[in-house]
Amino acid sequence: MTAAAGNPGNNRSSVKLEPMAVPKASDVLANELRERILAGEYPEGTALPPERDLVTQTMMSRTTVREALRILEVQGLIKIKAGRAGGAFVHRPDRESLASSLSLLIRGRKIRLTSLLETREAVEPFCAELAAQNRTDEDLAALDDANVRIEEEGTLADFLQTNVDWHVAVATASHNELLTGFMMALSRAIYAATENEGFIDDEVRHTAARAHRSITKAIRDRDADAAVRKMRRHIHSYAQAVLKVDQREAITVPDGD
């Protein structure tokens, strides 16, 4: 037997390890707090311990603690208030959080207007169906208010904003938070892409106003079939009216607010 065979220690140099990704301490703390917030352990508005207490409790540096809190703030899970009564307070995600994330995706990927309109045709009739089933008197009041405002003579911006308000009100009446957040982002993106007199003329305005009232009636009557049918017809007609301006152009959502 050779010396090498009789001494396993001589083979240690043959052991190979792959590079290991070690998480940053701030990510570990942020993950821990995130899971507790999402699990409901910390209710909305709960004040997290002050930075100095978090440093003591976790035995992490103040820099690490601050970075972890900054991560949660960017993710919309806490709000940081300045001043004597300030600190980090739990903020559970809501439909606005979803809308903001989707808006960033739409703008960042420069999603074309045609894709936005196609998506609305796929989603919004179902929102109308749920709205007819689940609407409340408060939901109907919001729809009626938007109907009154959209028929008023106003600027293009007035029309587009009221149009967004009505479509979001339909989604809100569905009482499905995911759909509502999705429609908020989608409607705002379509607003931004069509803020041009060439896209929206008087005929488009009047047609939209009539359609909104008809769909609102179906929702009020809890006629889900009619709400779906009328919404599908409305958004398809609206899309065709907008896209016929110049179907040869590749229209994208502008970079501005």
C-alpha atoms as a PDB file:
ATOM      1  CA  MET A   1       0.000   0.000   0.000  1.00  0.00           C
ATOM      2  CA  THR A   2       1.353   3.385  -0.946  1.00  0.00           C
ATOM      3  CA  ALA A   3       1.593   6.322   1.425  1.00  0.00           C
ATOM      4  CA  ALA A   4      -1.013   8.207  -0.564  1.00  0.00           C
ATOM      5  CA  ALA A   5      -3.467   5.315  -0.357  1.00  0.00           C
ATOM      6  CA  GLY A   6      -2.926   4.838   3.319  1.00  0.00           C
ATOM      7  CA  ASN A   7      -3.409   8.518   4.189  1.00  0.00           C
ATOM      8  CA  PRO A   8      -6.821   9.922   3.114  1.00  0.00           C
ATOM      9  CA  GLY A   9      -5.685  13.392   4.076  1.00  0.00           C
ATOM     10  CA  ASN A  10      -3.537  13.524   0.968  1.00  0.00           C
ATOM     11  CA  ASN A  11      -6.707  13.585  -1.178  1.00  0.00           C
ATOM     12  CA  ARG A  12      -8.150  16.759   0.331  1.00  0.00           C
ATOM     13  CA  SER A  13      -6.823  18.932  -2.475  1.00  0.00           C
ATOM     14  CA  SER A  14      -9.113  17.097  -4.921  1.00  0.00           C
ATOM     15  CA  VAL A  15     -12.292  18.320  -3.210  1.00  0.00           C
ATOM     16  CA  LYS A  16     -14.016  21.058  -5.242  1.00  0.00           C
ATOM     17  CA  LEU A  17     -16.717  23.464  -4.070  1.00  0.00           C
ATOM     18  CA  GLU A  18     -18.870  25.735  -6.188  1.00  0.00           C
ATOM     19  CA  PRO A  19     -19.034  29.475  -5.410  1.00  0.00           C
ATOM     20  CA  MET A  20     -21.740  30.130  -2.815  1.00  0.00           C
ATOM     21  CA  ALA A  21     -24.116  33.077  -2.894  1.00  0.00           C
ATOM     22  CA  VAL A  22     -24.469  34.374   0.641  1.00  0.00           C
ATOM     23  CA  PRO A  23     -27.454  36.698   1.152  1.00  0.00           C
ATOM     24  CA  LYS A  24     -26.814  40.185   2.448  1.00  0.00           C
ATOM     25  CA  ALA A  25     -27.783  40.770   6.052  1.00  0.00           C
ATOM     26  CA  SER A  26     -30.191  43.528   4.998  1.00  0.00           C
ATOM     27  CA  ASP A  27     -31.987  41.114   2.646  1.00  0.00           C
ATOM     28  CA  VAL A  28     -32.317  38.562   5.452  1.00  0.00           C
ATOM     29  CA  LEU A  29     -33.879  41.137   7.787  1.00  0.00           C
ATOM     30  CA  ALA A  30     -36.134  42.530   5.044  1.00  0.00           C
ATOM     31  CA  ASN A  31     -37.333  39.001   4.196  1.00  0.00           C
ATOM     32  CA  GLU A  32     -38.107  38.271   7.846  1.00  0.00           C
ATOM     33  CA  LEU A  33     -40.132  41.462   8.285  1.00  0.00           C
ATOM     34  CA  ARG A  34     -41.844  41.015   4.907  1.00  0.00           C
ATOM     35  CA  GLU A  35     -43.071  37.543   5.761  1.00  0.00           C
ATOM     36  CA  ARG A  36     -44.447  38.723   9.088  1.00  0.00           C
ATOM     37  CA  ILE A  37     -46.274  41.626   7.458  1.00  0.00           C
ATOM     38  CA  LEU A  38     -47.755  39.477   4.698  1.00  0.00           C
ATOM     39  CA  ALA A  39     -48.756  36.789   7.213  1.00  0.00           C
ATOM     40  CA  GLY A  40     -50.772  39.397   9.111  1.00  0.00           C
ATOM     41  CA  GLU A  41     -48.618  39.274  12.221  1.00  0.00           C
ATOM     42  CA  TYR A  42     -48.182  43.035  11.974  1.00  0.00           C
ATOM     43  CA  PRO A  43     -51.549  44.691  11.132  1.00  0.00           C
ATOM     44  CA  GLU A  44     -51.900  47.806   8.989  1.00  0.00           C
ATOM     45  CA  GLY A  45     -50.509  50.847  10.776  1.00  0.00           C
ATOM     46  CA  THR A  46     -48.371  48.895  13.246  1.00  0.00           C
ATOM     47  CA  ALA A  47     -45.249  50.834  14.239  1.00  0.00           C
ATOM     48  CA  LEU A  48     -42.059  48.865  13.833  1.00  0.00           C
ATOM     49  CA  PRO A  49     -39.458  49.256  16.593  1.00  0.00           C
ATOM     50  CA  PRO A  50     -37.177  52.304  16.255  1.00  0.00           C
ATOM     51  CA  GLU A  51     -33.914  51.762  14.402  1.00  0.00           C
ATOM     52  CA  ARG A  52     -31.859  51.650  17.604  1.00  0.00           C
ATOM     53  CA  ASP A  53     -34.133  48.918  19.005  1.00  0.00           C
ATOM     54  CA  LEU A  54     -33.934  46.902  15.796  1.00  0.00           C
ATOM     55  CA  VAL A  55     -30.148  47.163  15.966  1.00  0.00           C
ATOM     56  CA  THR A  56     -30.197  45.842  19.534  1.00  0.00           C
ATOM     57  CA  GLN A  57     -32.731  43.083  18.846  1.00  0.00           C
ATOM     58  CA  THR A  58     -31.133  41.790  15.636  1.00  0.00           C
ATOM     59  CA  MET A  59     -27.504  42.541  16.540  1.00  0.00           C
ATOM     60  CA  MET A  60     -27.109  44.004  13.067  1.00  0.00           C
ATOM     61  CA  SER A  61     -25.532  47.327  12.200  1.00  0.00           C
ATOM     62  CA  ARG A  62     -27.576  50.504  11.888  1.00  0.00           C
ATOM     63  CA  THR A  63     -26.636  50.621   8.178  1.00  0.00           C
ATOM     64  CA  THR A  64     -28.024  47.107   7.669  1.00  0.00           C
ATOM     65  CA  VAL A  65     -31.254  47.959   9.472  1.00  0.00           C
ATOM     66  CA  ARG A  66     -31.742  51.132   7.458  1.00  0.00           C
ATOM     67  CA  GLU A  67     -31.140  49.290   4.190  1.00  0.00           C
ATOM     68  CA  ALA A  68     -33.691  46.611   5.143  1.00  0.00           C
ATOM     69  CA  LEU A  69     -36.294  49.259   5.953  1.00  0.00           C
ATOM     70  CA  ARG A  70     -35.538  51.016   2.678  1.00  0.00           C
ATOM     71  CA  ILE A  71     -36.181  47.765   0.789  1.00  0.00           C
ATOM     72  CA  LEU A  72     -39.579  47.368   2.466  1.00  0.00           C
ATOM     73  CA  GLU A  73     -40.438  50.997   1.784  1.00  0.00           C
ATOM     74  CA  VAL A  74     -39.697  50.613  -1.938  1.00  0.00           C
ATOM     75  CA  GLN A  75     -41.865  47.488  -1.987  1.00  0.00           C
ATOM     76  CA  GLY A  76     -44.715  49.469  -0.438  1.00  0.00           C
ATOM     77  CA  LEU A  77     -44.853  47.367   2.711  1.00  0.00           C
ATOM     78  CA  ILE A  78     -43.987  50.162   5.138  1.00  0.00           C
ATOM     79  CA  LYS A  79     -44.278  53.927   5.202  1.00  0.00           C
ATOM     80  CA  ILE A  80     -41.558  55.943   6.887  1.00  0.00           C
ATOM     81  CA  LYS A  81     -42.625  59.164   8.573  1.00  0.00           C
ATOM     82  CA  ALA A  82     -40.216  61.838   9.761  1.00  0.00           C
ATOM     83  CA  GLY A  83     -40.449  63.839  12.967  1.00  0.00           C
ATOM     84  CA  ARG A  84     -40.810  63.166  16.671  1.00  0.00           C
ATOM     85  CA  ALA A  85     -43.859  60.932  16.146  1.00  0.00           C
ATOM     86  CA  GLY A  86     -42.355  59.345  13.051  1.00  0.00           C
ATOM     87  CA  GLY A  87     -40.934  55.936  12.334  1.00  0.00           C
ATOM     88  CA  ALA A  88     -41.665  52.947  10.128  1.00  0.00           C
ATOM     89  CA  PHE A  89     -45.316  51.904   9.926  1.00  0.00           C
ATOM     90  CA  VAL A  90     -46.749  48.785   8.298  1.00  0.00           C
ATOM     91  CA  HIS A  91     -48.595  49.338   5.030  1.00  0.00           C
ATOM     92  CA  ARG A  92     -50.242  46.276   3.557  1.00  0.00           C
ATOM     93  CA  PRO A  93     -50.384  46.086  -0.259  1.00  0.00           C
ATOM     94  CA  ASP A  94     -53.595  47.331  -1.871  1.00  0.00           C
ATOM     95  CA  ARG A  95     -55.013  47.782  -5.367  1.00  0.00           C
ATOM     96  CA  GLU A  96     -53.006  50.989  -5.817  1.00  0.00           C
ATOM     97  CA  SER A  97     -49.819  49.018  -5.144  1.00  0.00           C
ATOM     98  CA  LEU A  98     -50.773  46.583  -7.901  1.00  0.00           C
ATOM     99  CA  ALA A  99     -51.723  49.409 -10.277  1.00  0.00           C
ATOM    100  CA  SER A 100     -48.395  51.169  -9.709  1.00  0.00           C
ATOM    101  CA  SER A 101     -46.386  48.004 -10.385  1.00  0.00           C
ATOM    102  CA  LEU A 102     -48.331  47.263 -13.570  1.00  0.00           C
ATOM    103  CA  SER A 103     -47.974  50.862 -14.722  1.00  0.00           C
ATOM    104  CA  LEU A 104     -44.204  50.582 -14.404  1.00  0.00           C
ATOM    105  CA  LEU A 105     -44.269  47.356 -16.422  1.00  0.00           C
ATOM    106  CA  ILE A 106     -46.403  48.908 -19.153  1.00  0.00           C
ATOM    107  CA  ARG A 107     -44.215  51.987 -19.438  1.00  0.00           C
ATOM    108  CA  GLY A 108     -40.934  50.158 -18.985  1.00  0.00           C
ATOM    109  CA  ARG A 109     -41.719  47.618 -21.703  1.00  0.00           C
ATOM    110  CA  LYS A 110     -43.301  50.302 -23.907  1.00  0.00           C
ATOM    111  CA  ILE A 111     -46.400  48.205 -24.436  1.00  0.00           C
ATOM    112  CA  ARG A 112     -48.199  49.174 -27.636  1.00  0.00           C
ATOM    113  CA  LEU A 113     -51.638  50.747 -27.538  1.00  0.00           C
ATOM    114  CA  THR A 114     -53.024  47.883 -29.614  1.00  0.00           C
ATOM    115  CA  SER A 115     -51.930  45.427 -26.903  1.00  0.00           C
ATOM    116  CA  LEU A 116     -53.502  47.563 -24.183  1.00  0.00           C
ATOM    117  CA  LEU A 117     -56.812  47.693 -26.028  1.00  0.00           C
ATOM    118  CA  GLU A 118     -56.740  43.959 -26.765  1.00  0.00           C
ATOM    119  CA  THR A 119     -56.136  43.255 -23.087  1.00  0.00           C
ATOM    120  CA  ARG A 120     -59.050  45.449 -22.090  1.00  0.00           C
ATOM    121  CA  GLU A 121     -61.328  43.605 -24.507  1.00  0.00           C
ATOM    122  CA  ALA A 122     -60.303  40.336 -22.846  1.00  0.00           C
ATOM    123  CA  VAL A 123     -60.731  41.492 -19.231  1.00  0.00           C
ATOM    124  CA  GLU A 124     -63.332  44.229 -18.930  1.00  0.00           C
ATOM    125  CA  PRO A 125     -66.478  42.336 -20.000  1.00  0.00           C
ATOM    126  CA  PHE A 126     -65.881  40.006 -17.050  1.00  0.00           C
ATOM    127  CA  CYS A 127     -65.541  43.052 -14.773  1.00  0.00           C
ATOM    128  CA  ALA A 128     -68.961  44.189 -15.997  1.00  0.00           C
ATOM    129  CA  GLU A 129     -70.426  40.749 -15.324  1.00  0.00           C
ATOM    130  CA  LEU A 130     -69.137  40.735 -11.751  1.00  0.00           C
ATOM    131  CA  ALA A 131     -70.268  44.327 -11.274  1.00  0.00           C
ATOM    132  CA  ALA A 132     -73.832  43.372 -12.232  1.00  0.00           C
ATOM    133  CA  GLN A 133     -73.719  40.593  -9.651  1.00  0.00           C
ATOM    134  CA  ASN A 134     -71.940  42.394  -6.802  1.00  0.00           C
ATOM    135  CA  ARG A 135     -72.611  46.136  -7.138  1.00  0.00           C
ATOM    136  CA  THR A 136     -73.778  48.217  -4.203  1.00  0.00           C
ATOM    137  CA  ASP A 137     -75.671  51.505  -4.061  1.00  0.00           C
ATOM    138  CA  GLU A 138     -72.348  53.258  -3.479  1.00  0.00           C
ATOM    139  CA  ASP A 139     -70.946  51.675  -6.646  1.00  0.00           C
ATOM    140  CA  LEU A 140     -73.961  52.857  -8.646  1.00  0.00           C
ATOM    141  CA  ALA A 141     -73.513  56.385  -7.285  1.00  0.00           C
ATOM    142  CA  ALA A 142     -69.909  56.429  -8.541  1.00  0.00           C
ATOM    143  CA  LEU A 143     -70.995  55.229 -11.993  1.00  0.00           C
ATOM    144  CA  ASP A 144     -73.815  57.796 -12.163  1.00  0.00           C
ATOM    145  CA  ASP A 145     -71.440  60.591 -11.169  1.00  0.00           C
ATOM    146  CA  ALA A 146     -69.012  59.639 -13.941  1.00  0.00           C
ATOM    147  CA  ASN A 147     -71.895  59.437 -16.418  1.00  0.00           C
ATOM    148  CA  VAL A 148     -72.951  62.997 -15.601  1.00  0.00           C
ATOM    149  CA  ARG A 149     -69.409  64.345 -15.875  1.00  0.00           C
ATOM    150  CA  ILE A 150     -68.569  62.605 -19.154  1.00  0.00           C
ATOM    151  CA  GLU A 151     -71.520  64.302 -20.877  1.00  0.00           C
ATOM    152  CA  GLU A 152     -70.336  67.759 -19.853  1.00  0.00           C
ATOM    153  CA  GLU A 153     -68.471  69.814 -22.424  1.00  0.00           C
ATOM    154  CA  GLY A 154     -64.876  69.840 -21.310  1.00  0.00           C
ATOM    155  CA  THR A 155     -61.299  69.475 -22.426  1.00  0.00           C
ATOM    156  CA  LEU A 156     -59.827  66.289 -23.803  1.00  0.00           C
ATOM    157  CA  ALA A 157     -58.107  65.751 -20.456  1.00  0.00           C
ATOM    158  CA  ASP A 158     -61.469  66.104 -18.676  1.00  0.00           C
ATOM    159  CA  PHE A 159     -63.049  63.495 -20.936  1.00  0.00           C
ATOM    160  CA  LEU A 160     -60.170  61.034 -20.641  1.00  0.00           C
ATOM    161  CA  GLN A 161     -60.009  61.317 -16.848  1.00  0.00           C
ATOM    162  CA  THR A 162     -63.759  60.855 -16.492  1.00  0.00           C
ATOM    163  CA  ASN A 163     -63.569  57.913 -18.864  1.00  0.00           C
ATOM    164  CA  VAL A 164     -60.899  56.354 -16.627  1.00  0.00           C
ATOM    165  CA  ASP A 165     -63.048  57.067 -13.554  1.00  0.00           C
ATOM    166  CA  TRP A 166     -66.039  55.261 -15.077  1.00  0.00           C
ATOM    167  CA  HIS A 167     -64.110  52.180 -16.178  1.00  0.00           C
ATOM    168  CA  VAL A 168     -62.353  51.936 -12.805  1.00  0.00           C
ATOM    169  CA  ALA A 169     -65.763  52.337 -11.124  1.00  0.00           C
ATOM    170  CA  VAL A 170     -67.032  49.310 -13.066  1.00  0.00           C
ATOM    171  CA  ALA A 171     -64.019  47.290 -11.917  1.00  0.00           C
ATOM    172  CA  THR A 172     -64.494  48.529  -8.344  1.00  0.00           C
ATOM    173  CA  ALA A 173     -68.123  47.397  -8.472  1.00  0.00           C
ATOM    174  CA  SER A 174     -66.873  43.898  -9.279  1.00  0.00           C
ATOM    175  CA  HIS A 175     -65.426  43.794  -5.744  1.00  0.00           C
ATOM    176  CA  ASN A 176     -62.408  41.913  -7.047  1.00  0.00           C
ATOM    177  CA  GLU A 177     -59.274  43.737  -5.896  1.00  0.00           C
ATOM    178  CA  LEU A 178     -56.987  42.115  -8.464  1.00  0.00           C
ATOM    179  CA  LEU A 179     -59.220  43.111 -11.370  1.00  0.00           C
ATOM    180  CA  THR A 180     -59.654  46.606  -9.951  1.00  0.00           C
ATOM    181  CA  GLY A 181     -55.904  47.182  -9.627  1.00  0.00           C
ATOM    182  CA  PHE A 182     -55.354  45.759 -13.103  1.00  0.00           C
ATOM    183  CA  MET A 183     -58.004  48.018 -14.657  1.00  0.00           C
ATOM    184  CA  MET A 184     -56.624  51.075 -12.874  1.00  0.00           C
ATOM    185  CA  ALA A 185     -53.229  50.552 -14.514  1.00  0.00           C
ATOM    186  CA  LEU A 186     -54.701  49.635 -17.891  1.00  0.00           C
ATOM    187  CA  SER A 187     -57.101  52.597 -18.034  1.00  0.00           C
ATOM    188  CA  ARG A 188     -54.399  55.065 -17.027  1.00  0.00           C
ATOM    189  CA  ALA A 189     -52.057  53.713 -19.696  1.00  0.00           C
ATOM    190  CA  ILE A 190     -54.746  54.037 -22.379  1.00  0.00           C
ATOM    191  CA  TYR A 191     -55.410  57.603 -21.162  1.00  0.00           C
ATOM    192  CA  ALA A 192     -51.713  58.458 -21.591  1.00  0.00           C
ATOM    193  CA  ALA A 193     -51.550  56.898 -25.047  1.00  0.00           C
ATOM    194  CA  THR A 194     -54.692  58.620 -26.401  1.00  0.00           C
ATOM    195  CA  GLU A 195     -54.205  62.128 -25.012  1.00  0.00           C
ATOM    196  CA  ASN A 196     -54.390  63.557 -28.495  1.00  0.00           C
ATOM    197  CA  GLU A 197     -57.319  65.232 -30.255  1.00  0.00           C
ATOM    198  CA  GLY A 198     -56.612  63.071 -33.287  1.00  0.00           C
ATOM    199  CA  PHE A 199     -57.709  59.994 -31.391  1.00  0.00           C
ATOM    200  CA  ILE A 200     -60.784  61.320 -29.583  1.00  0.00           C
ATOM    201  CA  ASP A 201     -63.308  63.383 -31.540  1.00  0.00           C
ATOM    202  CA  ASP A 202     -66.851  64.483 -30.653  1.00  0.00           C
ATOM    203  CA  GLU A 203     -68.382  61.346 -32.142  1.00  0.00           C
ATOM    204  CA  VAL A 204     -66.181  59.109 -29.988  1.00  0.00           C
ATOM    205  CA  ARG A 205     -67.120  61.138 -26.900  1.00  0.00           C
ATOM    206  CA  HIS A 206     -70.867  60.951 -27.527  1.00  0.00           C
ATOM    207  CA  THR A 207     -70.741  57.256 -28.391  1.00  0.00           C
ATOM    208  CA  ALA A 208     -68.807  56.508 -25.200  1.00  0.00           C
ATOM    209  CA  ALA A 209     -71.270  58.492 -23.071  1.00  0.00           C
ATOM    210  CA  ARG A 210     -74.270  56.587 -24.492  1.00  0.00           C
ATOM    211  CA  ALA A 211     -72.550  53.245 -24.022  1.00  0.00           C
ATOM    212  CA  HIS A 212     -71.638  54.044 -20.426  1.00  0.00           C
ATOM    213  CA  ARG A 213     -75.234  54.842 -19.546  1.00  0.00           C
ATOM    214  CA  SER A 214     -76.479  51.663 -21.212  1.00  0.00           C
ATOM    215  CA  ILE A 215     -73.937  49.491 -19.401  1.00  0.00           C
ATOM    216  CA  THR A 216     -74.673  51.247 -16.112  1.00  0.00           C
ATOM    217  CA  LYS A 217     -78.355  50.388 -16.536  1.00  0.00           C
ATOM    218  CA  ALA A 218     -77.515  46.719 -17.059  1.00  0.00           C
ATOM    219  CA  ILE A 219     -75.362  46.765 -13.925  1.00  0.00           C
ATOM    220  CA  ARG A 220     -78.128  48.503 -11.965  1.00  0.00           C
ATOM    221  CA  ASP A 221     -80.648  45.903 -13.179  1.00  0.00           C
ATOM    222  CA  ARG A 222     -78.220  43.111 -12.228  1.00  0.00           C
ATOM    223  CA  ASP A 223     -78.431  41.862 -15.800  1.00  0.00           C
ATOM    224  CA  ALA A 224     -75.023  40.225 -16.101  1.00  0.00           C
ATOM    225  CA  ASP A 225     -75.554  38.929 -19.649  1.00  0.00           C
ATOM    226  CA  ALA A 226     -76.493  42.384 -20.919  1.00  0.00           C
ATOM    227  CA  ALA A 227     -73.598  43.988 -19.044  1.00  0.00           C
ATOM    228  CA  VAL A 228     -71.108  41.610 -20.673  1.00  0.00           C
ATOM    229  CA  ARG A 229     -72.597  42.013 -24.139  1.00  0.00           C
ATOM    230  CA  LYS A 230     -72.791  45.795 -24.001  1.00  0.00           C
ATOM    231  CA  MET A 231     -69.347  46.218 -22.486  1.00  0.00           C
ATOM    232  CA  ARG A 232     -67.785  43.971 -25.118  1.00  0.00           C
ATOM    233  CA  ARG A 233     -69.456  45.962 -27.896  1.00  0.00           C
ATOM    234  CA  HIS A 234     -68.453  49.282 -26.323  1.00  0.00           C
ATOM    235  CA  ILE A 235     -64.769  48.625 -25.802  1.00  0.00           C
ATOM    236  CA  HIS A 236     -64.420  46.966 -29.214  1.00  0.00           C
ATOM    237  CA  SER A 237     -66.016  49.968 -30.920  1.00  0.00           C
ATOM    238  CA  TYR A 238     -63.878  52.363 -28.887  1.00  0.00           C
ATOM    239  CA  ALA A 239     -60.723  50.469 -29.814  1.00  0.00           C
ATOM    240  CA  GLN A 240     -61.597  50.497 -33.493  1.00  0.00           C
ATOM    241  CA  ALA A 241     -62.351  54.226 -33.421  1.00  0.00           C
ATOM    242  CA  VAL A 242     -58.995  54.967 -31.791  1.00  0.00           C
ATOM    243  CA  LEU A 243     -56.889  52.663 -33.956  1.00  0.00           C
ATOM    244  CA  LYS A 244     -58.339  53.753 -37.282  1.00  0.00           C
ATOM    245  CA  VAL A 245     -56.505  57.092 -36.886  1.00  0.00           C
ATOM    246  CA  ASP A 246     -53.364  55.470 -38.182  1.00  0.00           C
ATOM    247  CA  GLN A 247     -53.123  51.707 -37.893  1.00  0.00           C
ATOM    248  CA  ARG A 248     -49.770  51.764 -39.610  1.00  0.00           C
ATOM    249  CA  GLU A 249     -48.051  53.442 -36.656  1.00  0.00           C
ATOM    250  CA  ALA A 250     -46.616  51.433 -33.777  1.00  0.00           C
ATOM    251  CA  ILE A 251     -48.128  53.427 -30.936  1.00  0.00           C
ATOM    252  CA  THR A 252     -46.542  53.014 -27.501  1.00  0.00           C
ATOM    253  CA  VAL A 253     -47.266  54.414 -24.101  1.00  0.00           C
ATOM    254  CA  PRO A 254     -45.339  57.694 -23.641  1.00  0.00           C
ATOM    255  CA  ASP A 255     -42.589  57.945 -21.041  1.00  0.00           C
ATOM    256  CA  GLY A 256     -44.144  60.920 -19.282  1.00  0.00           C
ATOM    257  CA  ASP A 257     -46.550  60.797 -16.358  1.00  0.00           C
END
